[in-house]
Amino acid sequence: QVQLIESGGGLVQAGGSLRLSCAGSERTINIYPMGWFRQAPGKEREFVGGISGSGGNTGFADSVKGRFTIARDNAKNTVYLQMNSLKPEDTAVYYCAKDRRPLRSGITYTATNYDYWGQGTQVTVSS
């Protein structure tokens, strides 16, 4: 069973930056697209960004486009979410997830296509 462990969350002032990490327990995740989602209190979980299995393609929600980037280091079985110019509305629990399909160049935007999820890490942005 694949385990995904997020880290890097915390409290930051508006305009600041954080880098989240998602470490996979198995090397097999390296061929799967990976995604980041977030859920704020009282709101539904939403897609933040994703990266293809090859790492060559990334995609982001409009709300974070231009501020967030995603990268993967397959040697470390790890995916990163770099968050810059953070806003109070970015406050949420952030989750990484693994796509159920080994897509080399595709990105999955729909939560139902992900089969393994991390436990989440809290990001709080103060104004």
C-alpha atoms as a PDB file:
ATOM      1  CA  GLN A   1       0.000   0.000   0.000  1.00  0.00           C
ATOM      2  CA  VAL A   2       1.348   3.370  -1.016  1.00  0.00           C
ATOM      3  CA  GLN A   3       1.843   5.914   1.717  1.00  0.00           C
ATOM      4  CA  LEU A   4       2.140   9.628   1.074  1.00  0.00           C
ATOM      5  CA  ILE A   5       3.479  11.909   3.783  1.00  0.00           C
ATOM      6  CA  GLU A   6       3.177  15.676   3.496  1.00  0.00           C
ATOM      7  CA  SER A   7       5.351  18.138   5.356  1.00  0.00           C
ATOM      8  CA  GLY A   8       6.272  21.795   5.255  1.00  0.00           C
ATOM      9  CA  GLY A   9       3.057  23.425   6.364  1.00  0.00           C
ATOM     10  CA  GLY A  10       2.928  26.173   8.931  1.00  0.00           C
ATOM     11  CA  LEU A  11       2.027  29.754   9.690  1.00  0.00           C
ATOM     12  CA  VAL A  12       3.208  32.494   7.350  1.00  0.00           C
ATOM     13  CA  GLN A  13       2.357  36.131   6.781  1.00  0.00           C
ATOM     14  CA  ALA A  14       0.613  37.269   3.636  1.00  0.00           C
ATOM     15  CA  GLY A  15       3.114  37.676   0.839  1.00  0.00           C
ATOM     16  CA  GLY A  16       5.352  34.989   2.226  1.00  0.00           C
ATOM     17  CA  SER A  17       6.321  31.587   0.856  1.00  0.00           C
ATOM     18  CA  LEU A  18       6.184  27.955   1.874  1.00  0.00           C
ATOM     19  CA  ARG A  19       7.316  24.748   0.234  1.00  0.00           C
ATOM     20  CA  LEU A  20       5.314  21.619   0.852  1.00  0.00           C
ATOM     21  CA  SER A  21       6.800  18.180   0.330  1.00  0.00           C
ATOM     22  CA  CYS A  22       5.051  14.907  -0.373  1.00  0.00           C
ATOM     23  CA  ALA A  23       7.192  11.824   0.133  1.00  0.00           C
ATOM     24  CA  GLY A  24       6.022   8.520  -1.284  1.00  0.00           C
ATOM     25  CA  SER A  25       6.752   5.192   0.347  1.00  0.00           C
ATOM     26  CA  GLU A  26       7.359   3.448  -2.953  1.00  0.00           C
ATOM     27  CA  ARG A  27       9.331   4.196  -6.075  1.00  0.00           C
ATOM     28  CA  THR A  28       6.326   3.166  -8.156  1.00  0.00           C
ATOM     29  CA  ILE A  29       4.717   6.578  -7.613  1.00  0.00           C
ATOM     30  CA  ASN A  30       7.337   8.011  -9.924  1.00  0.00           C
ATOM     31  CA  ILE A  31       5.378   6.974 -13.033  1.00  0.00           C
ATOM     32  CA  TYR A  32       2.079   8.420 -11.832  1.00  0.00           C
ATOM     33  CA  PRO A  33       0.781  11.957 -12.022  1.00  0.00           C
ATOM     34  CA  MET A  34       0.604  13.571  -8.617  1.00  0.00           C
ATOM     35  CA  GLY A  35      -1.740  16.257  -7.436  1.00  0.00           C
ATOM     36  CA  TRP A  36      -2.159  18.756  -4.656  1.00  0.00           C
ATOM     37  CA  PHE A  37      -5.540  19.596  -3.216  1.00  0.00           C
ATOM     38  CA  ARG A  38      -6.664  21.800  -0.358  1.00  0.00           C
ATOM     39  CA  GLN A  39      -9.643  22.077   1.908  1.00  0.00           C
ATOM     40  CA  ALA A  40     -10.549  25.127   3.922  1.00  0.00           C
ATOM     41  CA  PRO A  41     -12.996  24.982   6.850  1.00  0.00           C
ATOM     42  CA  GLY A  42     -16.555  24.739   5.617  1.00  0.00           C
ATOM     43  CA  LYS A  43     -15.500  24.325   2.009  1.00  0.00           C
ATOM     44  CA  GLU A  44     -15.137  21.403  -0.346  1.00  0.00           C
ATOM     45  CA  ARG A  45     -11.763  19.966  -1.256  1.00  0.00           C
ATOM     46  CA  GLU A  46     -10.418  21.696  -4.353  1.00  0.00           C
ATOM     47  CA  PHE A  47      -7.703  20.996  -6.880  1.00  0.00           C
ATOM     48  CA  VAL A  48      -4.615  23.198  -6.512  1.00  0.00           C
ATOM     49  CA  GLY A  49      -2.142  21.808  -9.004  1.00  0.00           C
ATOM     50  CA  GLY A  50      -0.767  18.664 -10.558  1.00  0.00           C
ATOM     51  CA  ILE A  51       2.279  17.268 -12.292  1.00  0.00           C
ATOM     52  CA  SER A  52       2.469  14.564 -14.930  1.00  0.00           C
ATOM     53  CA  GLY A  53       4.239  11.259 -14.464  1.00  0.00           C
ATOM     54  CA  SER A  54       7.208  12.448 -16.496  1.00  0.00           C
ATOM     55  CA  GLY A  55       7.307  15.755 -14.653  1.00  0.00           C
ATOM     56  CA  GLY A  56       7.168  17.579 -17.956  1.00  0.00           C
ATOM     57  CA  ASN A  57       3.675  18.984 -17.570  1.00  0.00           C
ATOM     58  CA  THR A  58       2.060  20.902 -14.748  1.00  0.00           C
ATOM     59  CA  GLY A  59      -1.354  22.442 -14.323  1.00  0.00           C
ATOM     60  CA  PHE A  60      -2.873  24.743 -11.737  1.00  0.00           C
ATOM     61  CA  ALA A  61      -6.136  26.150 -10.544  1.00  0.00           C
ATOM     62  CA  ASP A  62      -6.733  29.719 -11.673  1.00  0.00           C
ATOM     63  CA  SER A  63      -6.632  30.898  -8.066  1.00  0.00           C
ATOM     64  CA  VAL A  64      -2.965  29.918  -7.676  1.00  0.00           C
ATOM     65  CA  LYS A  65      -1.664  30.202 -11.223  1.00  0.00           C
ATOM     66  CA  GLY A  66       1.482  32.315 -11.368  1.00  0.00           C
ATOM     67  CA  ARG A  67       2.087  31.966  -7.622  1.00  0.00           C
ATOM     68  CA  PHE A  68       2.465  28.201  -7.106  1.00  0.00           C
ATOM     69  CA  THR A  69       4.754  25.738  -8.852  1.00  0.00           C
ATOM     70  CA  ILE A  70       5.134  21.971  -8.657  1.00  0.00           C
ATOM     71  CA  ALA A  71       8.202  19.838  -9.147  1.00  0.00           C
ATOM     72  CA  ARG A  72       9.091  16.218  -8.565  1.00  0.00           C
ATOM     73  CA  ASP A  73      12.334  14.534  -7.618  1.00  0.00           C
ATOM     74  CA  ASN A  74      11.963  10.900  -8.600  1.00  0.00           C
ATOM     75  CA  ALA A  75      15.269   9.964  -6.994  1.00  0.00           C
ATOM     76  CA  LYS A  76      13.667  10.890  -3.684  1.00  0.00           C
ATOM     77  CA  ASN A  77      10.116   9.744  -4.532  1.00  0.00           C
ATOM     78  CA  THR A  78       9.055  13.258  -3.587  1.00  0.00           C
ATOM     79  CA  VAL A  79       6.794  15.933  -5.054  1.00  0.00           C
ATOM     80  CA  TYR A  80       7.017  19.569  -4.024  1.00  0.00           C
ATOM     81  CA  LEU A  81       4.520  22.420  -4.012  1.00  0.00           C
ATOM     82  CA  GLN A  82       6.232  25.796  -3.923  1.00  0.00           C
ATOM     83  CA  MET A  83       3.823  28.486  -2.792  1.00  0.00           C
ATOM     84  CA  ASN A  84       4.771  32.136  -3.227  1.00  0.00           C
ATOM     85  CA  SER A  85       2.902  35.384  -2.642  1.00  0.00           C
ATOM     86  CA  LEU A  86       0.610  33.625  -0.220  1.00  0.00           C
ATOM     87  CA  LYS A  87      -2.765  35.148   0.598  1.00  0.00           C
ATOM     88  CA  PRO A  88      -5.063  34.623   3.591  1.00  0.00           C
ATOM     89  CA  GLU A  89      -7.479  32.799   1.271  1.00  0.00           C
ATOM     90  CA  ASP A  90      -4.792  30.152   0.705  1.00  0.00           C
ATOM     91  CA  THR A  91      -5.317  29.017   4.304  1.00  0.00           C
ATOM     92  CA  ALA A  92      -6.344  25.354   4.233  1.00  0.00           C
ATOM     93  CA  VAL A  93      -5.222  21.808   4.847  1.00  0.00           C
ATOM     94  CA  TYR A  94      -3.170  20.739   1.858  1.00  0.00           C
ATOM     95  CA  TYR A  95      -3.161  17.159   0.605  1.00  0.00           C
ATOM     96  CA  CYS A  96      -1.065  15.384  -1.961  1.00  0.00           C
ATOM     97  CA  ALA A  97      -2.486  12.495  -3.919  1.00  0.00           C
ATOM     98  CA  LYS A  98      -1.447   9.889  -6.456  1.00  0.00           C
ATOM     99  CA  ASP A  99      -3.327   9.354  -9.717  1.00  0.00           C
ATOM    100  CA  ARG A 100      -4.602   5.832 -10.222  1.00  0.00           C
ATOM    101  CA  ARG A 101      -3.382   5.863 -13.857  1.00  0.00           C
ATOM    102  CA  PRO A 102       0.282   5.844 -14.970  1.00  0.00           C
ATOM    103  CA  LEU A 103      -0.002   8.816 -17.320  1.00  0.00           C
ATOM    104  CA  ARG A 104       3.322  10.035 -18.614  1.00  0.00           C
ATOM    105  CA  SER A 105       2.141  13.422 -19.849  1.00  0.00           C
ATOM    106  CA  GLY A 106      -1.357  13.865 -18.470  1.00  0.00           C
ATOM    107  CA  ILE A 107      -2.540  15.761 -15.432  1.00  0.00           C
ATOM    108  CA  THR A 108      -5.615  14.829 -13.464  1.00  0.00           C
ATOM    109  CA  TYR A 109      -7.821  17.600 -12.121  1.00  0.00           C
ATOM    110  CA  THR A 110     -10.561  15.425 -10.650  1.00  0.00           C
ATOM    111  CA  ALA A 111     -10.230  14.092  -7.106  1.00  0.00           C
ATOM    112  CA  THR A 112     -12.018  10.840  -7.938  1.00  0.00           C
ATOM    113  CA  ASN A 113      -9.142   9.825 -10.223  1.00  0.00           C
ATOM    114  CA  TYR A 114      -6.700   9.782  -7.310  1.00  0.00           C
ATOM    115  CA  ASP A 115      -6.418   6.592  -5.295  1.00  0.00           C
ATOM    116  CA  TYR A 116      -3.958   7.375  -2.506  1.00  0.00           C
ATOM    117  CA  TRP A 117      -3.918  10.464  -0.321  1.00  0.00           C
ATOM    118  CA  GLY A 118      -1.644  11.889   2.311  1.00  0.00           C
ATOM    119  CA  GLN A 119      -2.831  12.903   5.764  1.00  0.00           C
ATOM    120  CA  GLY A 120      -2.650  16.610   4.998  1.00  0.00           C
ATOM    121  CA  THR A 121      -0.606  19.513   6.292  1.00  0.00           C
ATOM    122  CA  GLN A 122      -2.020  22.779   7.613  1.00  0.00           C
ATOM    123  CA  VAL A 123      -1.121  26.044   5.920  1.00  0.00           C
ATOM    124  CA  THR A 124      -2.211  29.239   7.645  1.00  0.00           C
ATOM    125  CA  VAL A 125      -1.639  32.637   6.072  1.00  0.00           C
ATOM    126  CA  SER A 126      -2.112  35.631   8.326  1.00  0.00           C
ATOM    127  CA  SER A 127      -3.080  39.045   7.035  1.00  0.00           C
END
